[in-house]
Amino acid sequence: MSQNKDRILITGATGFLGSWIISALVDQDAHVIATDVSLDHRRLETLRPDLPKDSIAFHICDVTDAEALEALIAKTQPTGIIHLAALQIPMCRVKPALGAMVNIVGHINVFEAARKAGIKRIIYTSSIAAKPRGPDNAPSNLYGVFKKTDEEIARLYWQDHGLPSLGLRPYIVYGVGRDDGETSAITRAIEAAALGQAYEIPFSTRSCFQYAGDVAGAIVSAVRSDWGGALLSDITERVSSVGDVLAAIEAVVPGAQVSKATDERVSPASGFDTAPLGEVIGDWQETTLEDGVRQTVELYRTIAADQTA
């Protein structure tokens, strides 16, 4: 490994977004330190079976174990951290104490380890769920409360310790490998259309639907940049509806048997601000909804063909 390479540590690396980020980092010649509570990288192998593994070091590390996390960082000496490890809405609802341990205590452990190691590039994923909504003007579930708390922790680590961070709020991210969480239904619908199957998205909403490659690209660009402050940013200001998603699927796969339920989900559809991300990475180009669906359909069909060959 060249000593001049960026060495990026990723928590939650076996997840959907982690797999896309690993792929993008390797393509940009960075060295990846991939950590999670298991070494099950089936999502990455499905997404990029051709990906050279010599630039990836796989480790088991639980972010709730502060000592283990600090030891791993001391050993691997990353130049930046991408913190993705979190439990999603369903698990936070069923096991709230565990959700708080991973999503809040784990977040603190990452920031504390970075502070001790002198790391000045931390990217972490917050969520649209942290945004206030509804009659209470507040997050609507525990996952959102936990993510909002993470944003405040990052603010205080800058205030108290001068530790820079960038929190990004992905919305409904879709793409190959998105198989967990309530909003994975968007990806499931695209996969079903690609494979000639029927599927009903169990909700309707207006929100931001983001192609995984765009989100991964923004995160990778950010972690290789420098900035000051505890920045917090949306990643897009483009709002669409589930109906728009279905129209994009129909345009790519005419006759697709996909539909949506009438259950309306309230989601923030205004007040987005991408300026902080722009300060870090400059202008970036978003993939259109139709092009993102097309790329996802093509990739699912390629995977299916390879599996039957």
C-alpha atoms as a PDB file:
ATOM      1  CA  MET A   1       0.000   0.000   0.000  1.00  0.00           C
ATOM      2  CA  SER A   2       1.372   3.400  -0.957  1.00  0.00           C
ATOM      3  CA  GLN A   3       1.895   5.688   2.021  1.00  0.00           C
ATOM      4  CA  ASN A   4       0.512   8.555  -0.100  1.00  0.00           C
ATOM      5  CA  LYS A   5      -2.926   6.996  -0.452  1.00  0.00           C
ATOM      6  CA  ASP A   6      -5.877   8.239   1.533  1.00  0.00           C
ATOM      7  CA  ARG A   7      -6.731   5.617   4.141  1.00  0.00           C
ATOM      8  CA  ILE A   8     -10.451   5.756   4.825  1.00  0.00           C
ATOM      9  CA  LEU A   9     -12.089   3.859   7.669  1.00  0.00           C
ATOM     10  CA  ILE A  10     -15.754   2.990   7.115  1.00  0.00           C
ATOM     11  CA  THR A  11     -18.073   1.814   9.880  1.00  0.00           C
ATOM     12  CA  GLY A  12     -21.150  -0.148   8.861  1.00  0.00           C
ATOM     13  CA  ALA A  13     -19.209  -1.255   5.810  1.00  0.00           C
ATOM     14  CA  THR A  14     -21.255  -4.375   5.029  1.00  0.00           C
ATOM     15  CA  GLY A  15     -24.392  -2.307   4.475  1.00  0.00           C
ATOM     16  CA  PHE A  16     -25.925  -1.104   1.252  1.00  0.00           C
ATOM     17  CA  LEU A  17     -24.406   2.363   1.187  1.00  0.00           C
ATOM     18  CA  GLY A  18     -21.106   1.087   2.583  1.00  0.00           C
ATOM     19  CA  SER A  19     -20.781  -1.241  -0.397  1.00  0.00           C
ATOM     20  CA  TRP A  20     -21.297   1.588  -2.882  1.00  0.00           C
ATOM     21  CA  ILE A  21     -18.800   3.791  -1.028  1.00  0.00           C
ATOM     22  CA  ILE A  22     -16.152   1.054  -0.917  1.00  0.00           C
ATOM     23  CA  SER A  23     -16.558   0.585  -4.653  1.00  0.00           C
ATOM     24  CA  ALA A  24     -16.155   4.318  -5.304  1.00  0.00           C
ATOM     25  CA  LEU A  25     -13.135   4.638  -2.991  1.00  0.00           C
ATOM     26  CA  VAL A  26     -11.287   1.750  -4.611  1.00  0.00           C
ATOM     27  CA  ASP A  27     -12.007   3.205  -8.049  1.00  0.00           C
ATOM     28  CA  GLN A  28     -10.332   6.418  -6.826  1.00  0.00           C
ATOM     29  CA  ASP A  29      -7.266   4.505  -5.580  1.00  0.00           C
ATOM     30  CA  ALA A  30      -7.907   4.997  -1.867  1.00  0.00           C
ATOM     31  CA  HIS A  31      -7.128   2.336   0.713  1.00  0.00           C
ATOM     32  CA  VAL A  32     -10.258   1.185   2.529  1.00  0.00           C
ATOM     33  CA  ILE A  33     -10.460  -0.021   6.123  1.00  0.00           C
ATOM     34  CA  ALA A  34     -13.877  -1.698   6.130  1.00  0.00           C
ATOM     35  CA  THR A  35     -15.341  -2.365   9.577  1.00  0.00           C
ATOM     36  CA  ASP A  36     -18.597  -3.886  10.755  1.00  0.00           C
ATOM     37  CA  VAL A  37     -19.899  -6.451  13.232  1.00  0.00           C
ATOM     38  CA  SER A  38     -19.453  -9.198  10.611  1.00  0.00           C
ATOM     39  CA  LEU A  39     -17.434  -9.949   7.495  1.00  0.00           C
ATOM     40  CA  ASP A  40     -20.540 -10.631   5.382  1.00  0.00           C
ATOM     41  CA  HIS A  41     -19.811  -8.565   2.286  1.00  0.00           C
ATOM     42  CA  ARG A  42     -22.354 -10.192  -0.006  1.00  0.00           C
ATOM     43  CA  ARG A  43     -23.779  -6.806  -1.027  1.00  0.00           C
ATOM     44  CA  LEU A  44     -20.350  -5.631  -2.174  1.00  0.00           C
ATOM     45  CA  GLU A  45     -19.676  -8.897  -3.988  1.00  0.00           C
ATOM     46  CA  THR A  46     -23.015  -8.629  -5.765  1.00  0.00           C
ATOM     47  CA  LEU A  47     -22.482  -4.993  -6.687  1.00  0.00           C
ATOM     48  CA  ARG A  48     -18.878  -5.351  -7.831  1.00  0.00           C
ATOM     49  CA  PRO A  49     -17.780  -8.980  -8.257  1.00  0.00           C
ATOM     50  CA  ASP A  50     -14.772  -7.707 -10.243  1.00  0.00           C
ATOM     51  CA  LEU A  51     -13.577  -5.274  -7.573  1.00  0.00           C
ATOM     52  CA  PRO A  52      -9.878  -5.762  -6.709  1.00  0.00           C
ATOM     53  CA  LYS A  53      -9.647  -6.551  -3.020  1.00  0.00           C
ATOM     54  CA  ASP A  54      -5.997  -5.648  -2.434  1.00  0.00           C
ATOM     55  CA  SER A  55      -6.960  -2.089  -1.461  1.00  0.00           C
ATOM     56  CA  ILE A  56      -9.515  -3.219   1.128  1.00  0.00           C
ATOM     57  CA  ALA A  57      -8.686  -4.343   4.669  1.00  0.00           C
ATOM     58  CA  PHE A  58     -11.686  -6.042   6.300  1.00  0.00           C
ATOM     59  CA  HIS A  59     -12.073  -5.903  10.086  1.00  0.00           C
ATOM     60  CA  ILE A  60     -14.724  -6.834  12.638  1.00  0.00           C
ATOM     61  CA  CYS A  61     -15.380  -3.926  14.992  1.00  0.00           C
ATOM     62  CA  ASP A  62     -18.497  -2.942  16.942  1.00  0.00           C
ATOM     63  CA  VAL A  63     -18.812   0.839  17.327  1.00  0.00           C
ATOM     64  CA  THR A  64     -20.350   0.337  20.772  1.00  0.00           C
ATOM     65  CA  ASP A  65     -16.960  -1.053  21.921  1.00  0.00           C
ATOM     66  CA  ALA A  66     -14.963   2.137  22.442  1.00  0.00           C
ATOM     67  CA  GLU A  67     -11.691   0.384  23.323  1.00  0.00           C
ATOM     68  CA  ALA A  68     -11.769  -1.875  20.278  1.00  0.00           C
ATOM     69  CA  LEU A  69     -12.582   1.037  18.006  1.00  0.00           C
ATOM     70  CA  GLU A  70      -9.738   3.165  19.385  1.00  0.00           C
ATOM     71  CA  ALA A  71      -7.315   0.246  19.068  1.00  0.00           C
ATOM     72  CA  LEU A  72      -8.291  -0.329  15.434  1.00  0.00           C
ATOM     73  CA  ILE A  73      -7.846   3.349  14.586  1.00  0.00           C
ATOM     74  CA  ALA A  74      -4.460   3.430  16.317  1.00  0.00           C
ATOM     75  CA  LYS A  75      -3.396   0.366  14.334  1.00  0.00           C
ATOM     76  CA  THR A  76      -4.657   1.395  10.900  1.00  0.00           C
ATOM     77  CA  GLN A  77      -4.101   5.176  11.144  1.00  0.00           C
ATOM     78  CA  PRO A  78      -6.868   6.328   8.803  1.00  0.00           C
ATOM     79  CA  THR A  79      -6.741   9.784   7.244  1.00  0.00           C
ATOM     80  CA  GLY A  80     -10.536  10.041   7.332  1.00  0.00           C
ATOM     81  CA  ILE A  81     -13.620   8.305   8.722  1.00  0.00           C
ATOM     82  CA  ILE A  82     -16.966   7.615   7.069  1.00  0.00           C
ATOM     83  CA  HIS A  83     -19.360   6.661   9.850  1.00  0.00           C
ATOM     84  CA  LEU A  84     -22.369   4.715   8.571  1.00  0.00           C
ATOM     85  CA  ALA A  85     -23.026   2.163  11.314  1.00  0.00           C
ATOM     86  CA  ALA A  86     -26.623   2.499  12.514  1.00  0.00           C
ATOM     87  CA  LEU A  87     -29.788   0.540  13.141  1.00  0.00           C
ATOM     88  CA  GLN A  88     -32.703   1.469  10.887  1.00  0.00           C
ATOM     89  CA  ILE A  89     -36.260   2.548  11.716  1.00  0.00           C
ATOM     90  CA  PRO A  90     -37.776  -0.943  12.240  1.00  0.00           C
ATOM     91  CA  MET A  91     -35.042  -2.141  14.615  1.00  0.00           C
ATOM     92  CA  CYS A  92     -35.028   1.135  16.562  1.00  0.00           C
ATOM     93  CA  ARG A  93     -38.766   0.702  17.032  1.00  0.00           C
ATOM     94  CA  VAL A  94     -38.524  -2.916  18.195  1.00  0.00           C
ATOM     95  CA  LYS A  95     -35.319  -2.587  20.258  1.00  0.00           C
ATOM     96  CA  PRO A  96     -35.006   1.076  21.234  1.00  0.00           C
ATOM     97  CA  ALA A  97     -32.258   0.583  23.830  1.00  0.00           C
ATOM     98  CA  LEU A  98     -30.099  -1.263  21.313  1.00  0.00           C
ATOM     99  CA  GLY A  99     -30.882   1.430  18.752  1.00  0.00           C
ATOM    100  CA  ALA A 100     -29.676   4.100  21.174  1.00  0.00           C
ATOM    101  CA  MET A 101     -26.502   2.145  21.916  1.00  0.00           C
ATOM    102  CA  VAL A 102     -25.545   1.814  18.262  1.00  0.00           C
ATOM    103  CA  ASN A 103     -26.874   5.092  16.914  1.00  0.00           C
ATOM    104  CA  ILE A 104     -25.917   7.422  19.789  1.00  0.00           C
ATOM    105  CA  VAL A 105     -23.234   5.745  21.925  1.00  0.00           C
ATOM    106  CA  GLY A 106     -21.561   4.351  18.807  1.00  0.00           C
ATOM    107  CA  HIS A 107     -21.587   7.835  17.284  1.00  0.00           C
ATOM    108  CA  ILE A 108     -19.944   9.302  20.387  1.00  0.00           C
ATOM    109  CA  ASN A 109     -17.324   6.536  20.342  1.00  0.00           C
ATOM    110  CA  VAL A 110     -16.403   7.340  16.738  1.00  0.00           C
ATOM    111  CA  PHE A 111     -16.029  11.042  17.475  1.00  0.00           C
ATOM    112  CA  GLU A 112     -14.053  10.415  20.646  1.00  0.00           C
ATOM    113  CA  ALA A 113     -11.711   7.989  18.886  1.00  0.00           C
ATOM    114  CA  ALA A 114     -11.192  10.491  16.067  1.00  0.00           C
ATOM    115  CA  ARG A 115     -10.472  13.248  18.573  1.00  0.00           C
ATOM    116  CA  LYS A 116      -7.846  11.173  20.351  1.00  0.00           C
ATOM    117  CA  ALA A 117      -6.216  10.148  17.075  1.00  0.00           C
ATOM    118  CA  GLY A 118      -6.189  13.670  15.638  1.00  0.00           C
ATOM    119  CA  ILE A 119      -8.342  12.757  12.630  1.00  0.00           C
ATOM    120  CA  LYS A 120      -9.840  15.868  11.027  1.00  0.00           C
ATOM    121  CA  ARG A 121     -12.137  14.360   8.397  1.00  0.00           C
ATOM    122  CA  ILE A 122     -15.340  12.761   9.683  1.00  0.00           C
ATOM    123  CA  ILE A 123     -18.324  12.176   7.440  1.00  0.00           C
ATOM    124  CA  TYR A 124     -21.384  10.715   9.096  1.00  0.00           C
ATOM    125  CA  THR A 125     -24.846   9.930   7.806  1.00  0.00           C
ATOM    126  CA  SER A 126     -27.743  11.571   9.522  1.00  0.00           C
ATOM    127  CA  SER A 127     -31.138  11.205   7.832  1.00  0.00           C
ATOM    128  CA  ILE A 128     -34.181  13.003   6.546  1.00  0.00           C
ATOM    129  CA  ALA A 129     -35.827  11.352   9.572  1.00  0.00           C
ATOM    130  CA  ALA A 130     -34.068  13.928  11.772  1.00  0.00           C
ATOM    131  CA  LYS A 131     -36.025  16.757  10.173  1.00  0.00           C
ATOM    132  CA  PRO A 132     -39.090  18.033  12.045  1.00  0.00           C
ATOM    133  CA  ARG A 133     -42.480  17.234  10.589  1.00  0.00           C
ATOM    134  CA  GLY A 134     -46.175  16.876  11.368  1.00  0.00           C
ATOM    135  CA  PRO A 135     -48.224  18.660  14.062  1.00  0.00           C
ATOM    136  CA  ASP A 136     -45.482  18.186  16.676  1.00  0.00           C
ATOM    137  CA  ASN A 137     -42.849  19.738  14.372  1.00  0.00           C
ATOM    138  CA  ALA A 138     -40.445  17.018  15.480  1.00  0.00           C
ATOM    139  CA  PRO A 139     -38.928  13.732  14.254  1.00  0.00           C
ATOM    140  CA  SER A 140     -41.661  11.145  13.913  1.00  0.00           C
ATOM    141  CA  ASN A 141     -39.783   8.072  15.184  1.00  0.00           C
ATOM    142  CA  LEU A 142     -36.944   7.056  17.491  1.00  0.00           C
ATOM    143  CA  TYR A 143     -34.539   6.628  14.597  1.00  0.00           C
ATOM    144  CA  GLY A 144     -35.061  10.292  13.707  1.00  0.00           C
ATOM    145  CA  VAL A 145     -34.597  11.336  17.337  1.00  0.00           C
ATOM    146  CA  PHE A 146     -31.328   9.379  17.510  1.00  0.00           C
ATOM    147  CA  LYS A 147     -30.056  10.953  14.289  1.00  0.00           C
ATOM    148  CA  LYS A 148     -30.976  14.447  15.455  1.00  0.00           C
ATOM    149  CA  THR A 149     -29.046  13.750  18.643  1.00  0.00           C
ATOM    150  CA  ASP A 150     -26.034  12.720  16.544  1.00  0.00           C
ATOM    151  CA  GLU A 151     -26.147  16.077  14.773  1.00  0.00           C
ATOM    152  CA  GLU A 152     -26.032  17.879  18.113  1.00  0.00           C
ATOM    153  CA  ILE A 153     -23.146  15.689  19.310  1.00  0.00           C
ATOM    154  CA  ALA A 154     -21.169  16.647  16.205  1.00  0.00           C
ATOM    155  CA  ARG A 155     -21.885  20.328  16.844  1.00  0.00           C
ATOM    156  CA  LEU A 156     -20.597  20.081  20.395  1.00  0.00           C
ATOM    157  CA  TYR A 157     -17.439  18.199  19.371  1.00  0.00           C
ATOM    158  CA  TRP A 158     -16.592  21.133  17.112  1.00  0.00           C
ATOM    159  CA  GLN A 159     -17.482  23.641  19.822  1.00  0.00           C
ATOM    160  CA  ASP A 160     -15.584  21.864  22.591  1.00  0.00           C
ATOM    161  CA  HIS A 161     -12.718  20.189  20.723  1.00  0.00           C
ATOM    162  CA  GLY A 162     -12.431  21.822  17.292  1.00  0.00           C
ATOM    163  CA  LEU A 163     -13.220  18.494  15.591  1.00  0.00           C
ATOM    164  CA  PRO A 164     -14.497  19.080  12.031  1.00  0.00           C
ATOM    165  CA  SER A 165     -17.338  16.940  10.742  1.00  0.00           C
ATOM    166  CA  LEU A 166     -19.837  16.817   7.921  1.00  0.00           C
ATOM    167  CA  GLY A 167     -23.224  15.280   8.575  1.00  0.00           C
ATOM    168  CA  LEU A 168     -25.184  14.354   5.459  1.00  0.00           C
ATOM    169  CA  ARG A 169     -28.913  13.659   5.347  1.00  0.00           C
ATOM    170  CA  PRO A 170     -29.681  11.023   2.722  1.00  0.00           C
ATOM    171  CA  TYR A 171     -33.343  10.630   1.914  1.00  0.00           C
ATOM    172  CA  ILE A 172     -34.783   7.652   0.063  1.00  0.00           C
ATOM    173  CA  VAL A 173     -31.659   6.141  -1.476  1.00  0.00           C
ATOM    174  CA  TYR A 174     -32.181   3.427  -4.074  1.00  0.00           C
ATOM    175  CA  GLY A 175     -29.890   1.072  -5.940  1.00  0.00           C
ATOM    176  CA  VAL A 176     -28.640  -2.504  -6.040  1.00  0.00           C
ATOM    177  CA  GLY A 177     -28.196  -3.860  -2.521  1.00  0.00           C
ATOM    178  CA  ARG A 178     -30.858  -1.709  -0.826  1.00  0.00           C
ATOM    179  CA  ASP A 179     -32.704  -4.516   0.942  1.00  0.00           C
ATOM    180  CA  ASP A 180     -33.118  -3.139   4.488  1.00  0.00           C
ATOM    181  CA  GLY A 181     -35.337  -0.455   6.003  1.00  0.00           C
ATOM    182  CA  GLU A 182     -38.857   0.675   5.190  1.00  0.00           C
ATOM    183  CA  THR A 183     -37.933   2.765   2.165  1.00  0.00           C
ATOM    184  CA  SER A 184     -36.099  -0.151   0.518  1.00  0.00           C
ATOM    185  CA  ALA A 185     -39.498  -0.662  -1.157  1.00  0.00           C
ATOM    186  CA  ILE A 186     -38.431   1.752  -3.913  1.00  0.00           C
ATOM    187  CA  THR A 187     -35.470  -0.449  -4.836  1.00  0.00           C
ATOM    188  CA  ARG A 188     -37.587  -3.591  -4.544  1.00  0.00           C
ATOM    189  CA  ALA A 189     -40.023  -2.137  -7.058  1.00  0.00           C
ATOM    190  CA  ILE A 190     -37.221  -1.389  -9.522  1.00  0.00           C
ATOM    191  CA  GLU A 191     -35.772  -4.884  -9.063  1.00  0.00           C
ATOM    192  CA  ALA A 192     -39.194  -6.463  -9.589  1.00  0.00           C
ATOM    193  CA  ALA A 193     -39.678  -4.516 -12.810  1.00  0.00           C
ATOM    194  CA  ALA A 194     -36.218  -5.519 -14.041  1.00  0.00           C
ATOM    195  CA  LEU A 195     -36.999  -9.195 -13.457  1.00  0.00           C
ATOM    196  CA  GLY A 196     -40.560  -9.120 -14.773  1.00  0.00           C
ATOM    197  CA  GLN A 197     -42.216  -9.496 -11.381  1.00  0.00           C
ATOM    198  CA  ALA A 198     -45.123  -7.677  -9.739  1.00  0.00           C
ATOM    199  CA  TYR A 199     -44.643  -5.421  -6.723  1.00  0.00           C
ATOM    200  CA  GLU A 200     -46.642  -2.843  -4.780  1.00  0.00           C
ATOM    201  CA  ILE A 201     -44.828  -0.040  -2.969  1.00  0.00           C
ATOM    202  CA  PRO A 202     -46.631  -0.033   0.414  1.00  0.00           C
ATOM    203  CA  PHE A 203     -46.838   3.764   0.717  1.00  0.00           C
ATOM    204  CA  SER A 204     -47.158   6.964  -1.251  1.00  0.00           C
ATOM    205  CA  THR A 205     -45.189  10.127  -0.495  1.00  0.00           C
ATOM    206  CA  ARG A 206     -43.401  13.139  -1.881  1.00  0.00           C
ATOM    207  CA  SER A 207     -39.723  13.106  -0.999  1.00  0.00           C
ATOM    208  CA  CYS A 208     -36.221  12.992  -2.447  1.00  0.00           C
ATOM    209  CA  PHE A 209     -35.257   9.805  -4.259  1.00  0.00           C
ATOM    210  CA  GLN A 210     -31.508   9.544  -4.636  1.00  0.00           C
ATOM    211  CA  TYR A 211     -29.425   7.172  -6.714  1.00  0.00           C
ATOM    212  CA  ALA A 212     -26.883   5.340  -4.560  1.00  0.00           C
ATOM    213  CA  GLY A 213     -24.025   6.219  -6.889  1.00  0.00           C
ATOM    214  CA  ASP A 214     -24.698   9.928  -6.362  1.00  0.00           C
ATOM    215  CA  VAL A 215     -24.729   9.660  -2.571  1.00  0.00           C
ATOM    216  CA  ALA A 216     -21.600   7.507  -2.497  1.00  0.00           C
ATOM    217  CA  GLY A 217     -19.821   9.898  -4.858  1.00  0.00           C
ATOM    218  CA  ALA A 218     -20.637  12.916  -2.694  1.00  0.00           C
ATOM    219  CA  ILE A 219     -19.403  11.173   0.454  1.00  0.00           C
ATOM    220  CA  VAL A 220     -16.172  10.014  -1.174  1.00  0.00           C
ATOM    221  CA  SER A 221     -15.453  13.495  -2.529  1.00  0.00           C
ATOM    222  CA  ALA A 222     -16.105  15.006   0.900  1.00  0.00           C
ATOM    223  CA  VAL A 223     -13.902  12.647   2.894  1.00  0.00           C
ATOM    224  CA  ARG A 224     -10.973  13.495   0.643  1.00  0.00           C
ATOM    225  CA  SER A 225     -11.459  17.249   1.187  1.00  0.00           C
ATOM    226  CA  ASP A 226     -10.749  19.647   4.055  1.00  0.00           C
ATOM    227  CA  TRP A 227     -13.102  22.003   5.882  1.00  0.00           C
ATOM    228  CA  GLY A 228     -13.768  23.554   9.271  1.00  0.00           C
ATOM    229  CA  GLY A 229     -16.828  23.425  11.492  1.00  0.00           C
ATOM    230  CA  ALA A 230     -19.591  20.960  12.227  1.00  0.00           C
ATOM    231  CA  LEU A 231     -21.337  21.157   8.878  1.00  0.00           C
ATOM    232  CA  LEU A 232     -24.754  19.639   8.274  1.00  0.00           C
ATOM    233  CA  SER A 233     -26.148  19.318   4.786  1.00  0.00           C
ATOM    234  CA  ASP A 234     -28.866  17.910   2.657  1.00  0.00           C
ATOM    235  CA  ILE A 235     -27.621  16.106  -0.447  1.00  0.00           C
ATOM    236  CA  THR A 236     -30.370  17.156  -2.853  1.00  0.00           C
ATOM    237  CA  GLU A 237     -33.182  19.649  -3.153  1.00  0.00           C
ATOM    238  CA  ARG A 238     -34.997  17.667  -5.845  1.00  0.00           C
ATOM    239  CA  VAL A 239     -38.432  16.469  -4.707  1.00  0.00           C
ATOM    240  CA  SER A 240     -40.442  13.809  -6.524  1.00  0.00           C
ATOM    241  CA  SER A 241     -43.374  11.562  -5.743  1.00  0.00           C
ATOM    242  CA  VAL A 242     -43.770   7.800  -5.663  1.00  0.00           C
ATOM    243  CA  GLY A 243     -45.899   8.348  -8.753  1.00  0.00           C
ATOM    244  CA  ASP A 244     -42.865   9.904 -10.451  1.00  0.00           C
ATOM    245  CA  VAL A 245     -40.844   6.817  -9.502  1.00  0.00           C
ATOM    246  CA  LEU A 246     -43.454   4.559 -11.073  1.00  0.00           C
ATOM    247  CA  ALA A 247     -43.474   6.710 -14.209  1.00  0.00           C
ATOM    248  CA  ALA A 248     -39.683   6.410 -14.452  1.00  0.00           C
ATOM    249  CA  ILE A 249     -39.913   2.641 -14.055  1.00  0.00           C
ATOM    250  CA  GLU A 250     -42.589   2.486 -16.762  1.00  0.00           C
ATOM    251  CA  ALA A 251     -40.392   4.570 -19.094  1.00  0.00           C
ATOM    252  CA  VAL A 252     -37.475   2.174 -18.618  1.00  0.00           C
ATOM    253  CA  VAL A 253     -39.509  -1.054 -18.451  1.00  0.00           C
ATOM    254  CA  PRO A 254     -42.734  -0.568 -20.447  1.00  0.00           C
ATOM    255  CA  GLY A 255     -45.529  -2.700 -19.008  1.00  0.00           C
ATOM    256  CA  ALA A 256     -43.863  -3.113 -15.621  1.00  0.00           C
ATOM    257  CA  GLN A 257     -46.245  -4.562 -13.032  1.00  0.00           C
ATOM    258  CA  VAL A 258     -45.459  -2.136 -10.241  1.00  0.00           C
ATOM    259  CA  SER A 259     -47.905  -0.002  -8.284  1.00  0.00           C
ATOM    260  CA  LYS A 260     -48.279   1.942  -5.047  1.00  0.00           C
ATOM    261  CA  ALA A 261     -50.585   1.739  -2.059  1.00  0.00           C
ATOM    262  CA  THR A 262     -52.822   4.648  -1.111  1.00  0.00           C
ATOM    263  CA  ASP A 263     -51.324   4.981   2.371  1.00  0.00           C
ATOM    264  CA  GLU A 264     -49.849   8.483   2.426  1.00  0.00           C
ATOM    265  CA  ARG A 265     -46.597   8.971   4.339  1.00  0.00           C
ATOM    266  CA  VAL A 266     -45.785  12.483   5.558  1.00  0.00           C
ATOM    267  CA  SER A 267     -42.243  13.431   4.618  1.00  0.00           C
ATOM    268  CA  PRO A 268     -40.422  16.780   4.454  1.00  0.00           C
ATOM    269  CA  ALA A 269     -40.699  18.136   0.931  1.00  0.00           C
ATOM    270  CA  SER A 270     -39.195  21.612   1.318  1.00  0.00           C
ATOM    271  CA  GLY A 271     -36.603  23.587   3.248  1.00  0.00           C
ATOM    272  CA  PHE A 272     -33.611  21.644   1.943  1.00  0.00           C
ATOM    273  CA  ASP A 273     -30.132  23.181   1.971  1.00  0.00           C
ATOM    274  CA  THR A 274     -27.213  21.680   0.056  1.00  0.00           C
ATOM    275  CA  ALA A 275     -24.909  24.699   0.419  1.00  0.00           C
ATOM    276  CA  PRO A 276     -22.724  23.188   3.192  1.00  0.00           C
ATOM    277  CA  LEU A 277     -21.942  20.159   1.031  1.00  0.00           C
ATOM    278  CA  GLY A 278     -21.203  22.492  -1.868  1.00  0.00           C
ATOM    279  CA  GLU A 279     -18.677  24.321   0.311  1.00  0.00           C
ATOM    280  CA  VAL A 280     -16.774  21.058   0.716  1.00  0.00           C
ATOM    281  CA  ILE A 281     -16.988  19.406  -2.713  1.00  0.00           C
ATOM    282  CA  GLY A 282     -18.095  22.177  -5.081  1.00  0.00           C
ATOM    283  CA  ASP A 283     -20.757  21.605  -7.724  1.00  0.00           C
ATOM    284  CA  TRP A 284     -21.869  18.072  -8.450  1.00  0.00           C
ATOM    285  CA  GLN A 285     -24.176  16.516 -11.015  1.00  0.00           C
ATOM    286  CA  GLU A 286     -27.220  14.539  -9.900  1.00  0.00           C
ATOM    287  CA  THR A 287     -28.452  11.528 -11.838  1.00  0.00           C
ATOM    288  CA  THR A 288     -32.003  12.007 -13.070  1.00  0.00           C
ATOM    289  CA  LEU A 289     -34.661   9.716 -11.658  1.00  0.00           C
ATOM    290  CA  GLU A 290     -35.157   7.974 -14.998  1.00  0.00           C
ATOM    291  CA  ASP A 291     -31.416   7.476 -15.548  1.00  0.00           C
ATOM    292  CA  GLY A 292     -30.992   6.152 -11.996  1.00  0.00           C
ATOM    293  CA  VAL A 293     -33.813   3.682 -12.534  1.00  0.00           C
ATOM    294  CA  ARG A 294     -32.305   2.666 -15.884  1.00  0.00           C
ATOM    295  CA  GLN A 295     -28.880   2.008 -14.374  1.00  0.00           C
ATOM    296  CA  THR A 296     -30.434   0.020 -11.535  1.00  0.00           C
ATOM    297  CA  VAL A 297     -32.545  -2.075 -13.919  1.00  0.00           C
ATOM    298  CA  GLU A 298     -29.521  -2.811 -16.105  1.00  0.00           C
ATOM    299  CA  LEU A 299     -27.413  -3.841 -13.134  1.00  0.00           C
ATOM    300  CA  TYR A 300     -30.110  -6.133 -11.717  1.00  0.00           C
ATOM    301  CA  ARG A 301     -30.491  -7.791 -15.114  1.00  0.00           C
ATOM    302  CA  THR A 302     -26.723  -8.252 -15.429  1.00  0.00           C
ATOM    303  CA  ILE A 303     -26.588  -9.831 -11.954  1.00  0.00           C
ATOM    304  CA  ALA A 304     -29.499 -12.153 -12.788  1.00  0.00           C
ATOM    305  CA  ALA A 305     -27.846 -13.211 -16.046  1.00  0.00           C
ATOM    306  CA  ASP A 306     -24.545 -13.919 -14.304  1.00  0.00           C
ATOM    307  CA  GLN A 307     -26.319 -16.015 -11.652  1.00  0.00           C
ATOM    308  CA  THR A 308     -28.021 -18.187 -14.267  1.00  0.00           C
ATOM    309  CA  ALA A 309     -24.991 -18.520 -16.568  1.00  0.00           C
END
